Amino acid sequence: MALLRCPFCNHMVSDKAIKCPGCNSDTVLFKFDYNTAYNNVPKKNNHKKLIILGLLCCTVIFVLCVKSVIGDGDSDSSYFNYNYNSYTTEMIKTGKTGALNRANSYLRSSAFSYKGLVEQLEFEGFSLYEAEYGADNCGADWEEQALNKAKSYLRSSAFSYKGLYEQLLYEGFTESEAEYGVKYCGADWKEQAKKKAESYLRNHSFTKKELIEQLEFEGFSYDEAYYGVIENGLN
């Protein structure tokens, strides 16, 4: 229902009414003229203005969103990079990669047998699978490791051929690896017997016979033991 203004008394009248309640005029008399006049009044282009206003609002919202996204993007990127770096760093310390890195680190400072390296990595908390992966992929030449280990022992103590061989077996080297290490370590076994005899004489008293027997017990041959005892002044 629409309301029309009566041109005679200025009263608002329903377009369904027959007469104006204000002046009792027939509504048919002014309906035609009012509608005609209303339809002929030029209307403002509100629709176009609304479209322009909407576009402006969308532009402002878009700019604000882009700024927010760029700002948050930097923050998110930093957060992602931090967490990614933390994750990769942690992975370097753990898992197969961690075991491999740790294995290489050990081999840079000391010599290990395959078995010894696996056991050391397990001691560090790696699983058997991770420890074996580290030992399998570290690129070590186990014969060279045996040789290095033999030389390391000889720098700190005196050994017979047999004693050094058994020590390398104890370290986890195979028989062929231990034999390689002892064979190519460059030791003079008579000189080793001399050093061993000297170390015994620093702490105990021995007769010539007793010291020869002790050196033979250590794995030296009789000739090596005799040389060692004589060189230490027991004639």
Protein backbone atom coordinates (compact mmCIF):
# COMPACT_ATOMS: atom_id res chain seq x y z
CA MET A 1 0.00 0.00 0.00
CA ALA A 2 1.27 3.47 -0.90
CA LEU A 3 0.42 6.83 0.63
CA LEU A 4 -0.53 9.80 -1.52
CA ARG A 5 -0.65 13.44 -0.47
CA CYS A 6 -4.03 15.13 -1.04
CA PRO A 7 -3.48 18.28 -3.18
CA PHE A 8 -6.49 19.96 -1.56
CA CYS A 9 -5.85 19.55 2.17
CA ASN A 10 -2.30 18.17 2.20
CA HIS A 11 -3.48 15.08 4.06
CA MET A 12 -1.81 11.71 3.49
CA VAL A 13 -4.25 9.31 1.84
CA SER A 14 -3.96 5.62 1.04
CA ASP A 15 -3.96 4.85 -2.64
CA LYS A 16 -6.66 2.31 -1.86
CA ALA A 17 -8.97 4.94 -0.36
CA ILE A 18 -11.86 6.34 -2.40
CA LYS A 19 -12.08 9.67 -0.62
CA CYS A 20 -9.64 11.83 1.28
CA PRO A 21 -10.39 11.59 5.01
CA GLY A 22 -9.29 15.20 5.43
CA CYS A 23 -11.43 17.00 2.88
CA ASN A 24 -13.64 14.22 1.56
CA SER A 25 -12.31 14.81 -1.98
CA ASP A 26 -12.41 11.89 -4.39
CA THR A 27 -8.96 10.37 -4.56
CA VAL A 28 -9.45 9.62 -8.23
CA LEU A 29 -9.16 13.35 -8.82
CA PHE A 30 -5.54 13.55 -7.72
CA LYS A 31 -4.20 10.00 -8.13
CA PHE A 32 -3.53 10.48 -11.82
CA ASP A 33 -1.85 13.82 -11.46
CA TYR A 34 0.26 12.67 -8.46
CA ASN A 35 1.49 9.51 -10.12
CA THR A 36 2.18 11.36 -13.31
CA ALA A 37 4.10 14.01 -11.46
CA TYR A 38 5.99 11.44 -9.38
CA ASN A 39 6.97 9.41 -12.40
CA ASN A 40 8.13 12.53 -14.22
CA VAL A 41 10.39 13.68 -11.41
CA PRO A 42 13.99 12.94 -12.38
CA LYS A 43 15.58 10.52 -9.93
CA LYS A 44 19.12 10.77 -8.73
CA ASN A 45 21.47 8.10 -9.93
CA ASN A 46 21.89 6.52 -6.47
CA HIS A 47 22.69 3.12 -7.95
CA LYS A 48 25.77 4.46 -9.67
CA LYS A 49 26.91 6.20 -6.52
CA LEU A 50 26.50 3.03 -4.53
CA ILE A 51 28.65 1.15 -7.03
CA ILE A 52 31.41 3.78 -6.79
CA LEU A 53 31.21 3.80 -3.00
CA GLY A 54 31.36 0.03 -2.94
CA LEU A 55 34.44 0.02 -5.16
CA LEU A 56 36.16 2.55 -2.92
CA CYS A 57 35.40 0.47 0.16
CA CYS A 58 36.67 -2.66 -1.53
CA THR A 59 39.88 -0.86 -2.54
CA VAL A 60 40.50 0.33 1.02
CA ILE A 61 39.79 -3.12 2.43
CA PHE A 62 42.06 -4.71 -0.18
CA VAL A 63 44.96 -2.35 0.64
CA LEU A 64 44.57 -3.01 4.35
CA CYS A 65 44.45 -6.75 3.77
CA VAL A 66 47.55 -6.68 1.56
CA LYS A 67 49.44 -4.70 4.18
CA SER A 68 48.33 -7.07 6.88
CA VAL A 69 49.26 -10.10 4.82
CA ILE A 70 52.67 -8.68 4.00
CA GLY A 71 53.34 -7.90 7.63
CA ASP A 72 52.08 -11.23 8.84
CA GLY A 73 53.86 -12.93 5.99
CA ASP A 74 57.19 -11.65 7.25
CA SER A 75 56.32 -12.81 10.73
CA ASP A 76 55.06 -16.17 9.49
CA SER A 77 58.11 -16.55 7.28
CA SER A 78 60.42 -15.87 10.20
CA TYR A 79 58.44 -18.24 12.35
CA PHE A 80 58.54 -20.90 9.64
CA ASN A 81 62.23 -20.44 9.01
CA TYR A 82 62.96 -20.60 12.73
CA ASN A 83 60.97 -23.77 13.19
CA TYR A 84 62.36 -25.32 10.02
CA ASN A 85 65.92 -24.55 11.06
CA SER A 86 65.22 -25.85 14.55
CA TYR A 87 63.73 -29.00 13.09
CA THR A 88 66.62 -29.63 10.72
CA THR A 89 69.11 -28.88 13.45
CA GLU A 90 67.41 -31.39 15.68
CA MET A 91 67.39 -33.93 12.85
CA ILE A 92 71.13 -33.41 12.44
CA LYS A 93 71.55 -34.43 16.07
CA THR A 94 69.19 -37.38 15.95
CA GLY A 95 68.07 -40.13 13.61
CA LYS A 96 70.16 -41.59 10.82
CA THR A 97 71.60 -38.23 9.84
CA GLY A 98 72.58 -37.53 13.43
CA ALA A 99 74.23 -40.93 13.76
CA LEU A 100 76.20 -40.39 10.57
CA ASN A 101 77.33 -36.93 11.63
CA ARG A 102 78.33 -38.25 15.03
CA ALA A 103 80.22 -41.15 13.47
CA ASN A 104 82.22 -38.78 11.27
CA SER A 105 82.92 -36.60 14.29
CA TYR A 106 84.32 -39.54 16.25
CA LEU A 107 86.49 -40.68 13.36
CA ARG A 108 88.05 -37.23 13.06
CA SER A 109 89.46 -37.53 16.58
CA SER A 110 89.98 -41.24 17.15
CA ALA A 111 90.18 -44.62 15.45
CA PHE A 112 87.32 -47.11 15.73
CA SER A 113 86.45 -50.55 14.52
CA TYR A 114 83.05 -50.97 12.90
CA LYS A 115 81.80 -52.78 15.99
CA GLY A 116 83.34 -50.25 18.34
CA LEU A 117 81.78 -47.32 16.47
CA VAL A 118 78.33 -48.90 16.47
CA GLU A 119 78.57 -49.55 20.20
CA GLN A 120 79.70 -45.98 20.83
CA LEU A 121 76.77 -44.57 18.87
CA GLU A 122 74.37 -46.82 20.76
CA PHE A 123 75.91 -45.54 23.99
CA GLU A 124 75.13 -42.02 22.73
CA GLY A 125 71.45 -42.98 22.52
CA PHE A 126 71.07 -43.91 18.88
CA SER A 127 69.15 -47.04 18.00
CA LEU A 128 71.01 -50.04 16.60
CA TYR A 129 69.53 -49.29 13.15
CA GLU A 130 70.69 -45.65 13.30
CA ALA A 131 74.12 -46.60 14.67
CA GLU A 132 74.67 -49.18 11.93
CA TYR A 133 73.56 -46.64 9.33
CA GLY A 134 76.16 -44.20 10.64
CA ALA A 135 78.91 -46.82 10.61
CA ASP A 136 77.91 -48.14 7.17
CA ASN A 137 77.91 -44.71 5.54
CA CYS A 138 80.77 -42.89 7.26
CA GLY A 139 83.22 -44.01 4.56
CA ALA A 140 85.75 -45.49 6.97
CA ASP A 141 88.43 -47.90 5.79
CA TRP A 142 88.42 -50.34 8.70
CA GLU A 143 91.91 -51.67 7.97
CA GLU A 144 93.22 -48.11 8.08
CA GLN A 145 91.28 -47.61 11.30
CA ALA A 146 93.01 -50.68 12.74
CA LEU A 147 96.37 -49.30 11.66
CA ASN A 148 95.64 -45.93 13.24
CA LYS A 149 94.47 -47.59 16.42
CA ALA A 150 97.64 -49.67 16.58
CA LYS A 151 99.81 -46.58 16.19
CA SER A 152 97.77 -44.83 18.85
CA TYR A 153 98.41 -47.63 21.33
CA LEU A 154 102.13 -47.67 20.55
CA ARG A 155 102.39 -43.94 21.30
CA SER A 156 101.26 -44.52 24.88
CA SER A 157 102.45 -48.04 25.74
CA ALA A 158 104.68 -50.88 24.63
CA PHE A 159 103.20 -53.98 22.99
CA SER A 160 104.36 -57.23 21.53
CA TYR A 161 103.07 -58.22 18.13
CA LYS A 162 100.74 -60.73 19.76
CA GLY A 163 99.67 -58.33 22.51
CA LEU A 164 98.81 -55.56 20.05
CA TYR A 165 96.96 -57.99 17.80
CA GLU A 166 94.85 -59.20 20.73
CA GLN A 167 94.21 -55.62 21.83
CA LEU A 168 92.86 -54.74 18.38
CA LEU A 169 90.61 -57.81 18.45
CA TYR A 170 89.34 -56.64 21.82
CA GLU A 171 88.52 -53.26 20.24
CA GLY A 172 86.23 -55.03 17.80
CA PHE A 173 88.41 -55.26 14.72
CA THR A 174 88.20 -58.42 12.66
CA GLU A 175 91.19 -60.78 12.52
CA SER A 176 92.21 -59.53 9.09
CA GLU A 177 91.87 -55.87 10.14
CA ALA A 178 93.88 -56.47 13.33
CA GLU A 179 96.56 -58.31 11.42
CA TYR A 180 96.79 -55.45 8.93
CA GLY A 181 97.13 -52.90 11.71
CA VAL A 182 99.88 -54.81 13.51
CA LYS A 183 101.75 -55.70 10.35
CA TYR A 184 101.98 -52.17 8.99
CA CYS A 185 102.25 -50.13 12.19
CA GLY A 186 106.03 -49.96 11.77
CA ALA A 187 106.87 -51.21 15.24
CA ASP A 188 110.32 -52.59 16.10
CA TRP A 189 109.29 -55.45 18.42
CA LYS A 190 112.71 -55.69 20.09
CA GLU A 191 112.48 -52.00 20.95
CA GLN A 192 108.95 -52.60 22.19
CA ALA A 193 110.32 -55.36 24.46
CA LYS A 194 112.96 -52.97 25.76
CA LYS A 195 110.30 -50.32 26.58
CA LYS A 196 108.10 -52.90 28.24
CA ALA A 197 110.96 -54.22 30.36
CA GLU A 198 111.81 -50.66 31.37
CA SER A 199 108.22 -49.99 32.46
CA TYR A 200 108.23 -53.16 34.59
CA LEU A 201 111.52 -52.25 36.25
CA ARG A 202 110.17 -48.81 37.24
CA ASN A 203 107.65 -50.44 39.56
CA HIS A 204 109.03 -53.87 40.47
CA SER A 205 112.25 -55.76 41.00
CA PHE A 206 112.98 -58.60 38.61
CA THR A 207 115.75 -61.00 38.02
CA LYS A 208 116.91 -61.47 34.48
CA LYS A 209 115.04 -64.76 34.20
CA GLU A 210 111.85 -63.41 35.79
CA LEU A 211 111.72 -60.43 33.47
CA ILE A 212 112.34 -62.56 30.39
CA GLU A 213 109.48 -64.81 31.45
CA GLN A 214 107.21 -61.82 32.05
CA LEU A 215 107.94 -60.42 28.63
CA GLU A 216 107.29 -63.79 27.03
CA PHE A 217 103.99 -63.86 28.91
CA GLU A 218 103.25 -60.49 27.27
CA GLY A 219 103.67 -62.15 23.87
CA PHE A 220 107.24 -61.29 23.02
CA SER A 221 109.46 -63.98 21.55
CA TYR A 222 112.43 -65.17 23.58
CA ASP A 223 114.85 -63.22 21.41
CA GLU A 224 112.78 -60.04 21.80
CA ALA A 225 112.45 -60.55 25.55
CA TYR A 226 116.16 -61.27 25.97
CA TYR A 227 117.03 -58.13 24.02
CA GLY A 228 114.73 -56.07 26.17
CA VAL A 229 116.17 -57.38 29.42
CA ILE A 230 119.81 -57.02 28.37
CA GLU A 231 119.21 -53.43 27.12
CA ASN A 232 117.89 -52.58 30.58
CA GLY A 233 121.12 -53.74 32.24
CA LEU A 234 120.12 -57.17 33.54
CA ASN A 235 123.05 -59.39 32.52
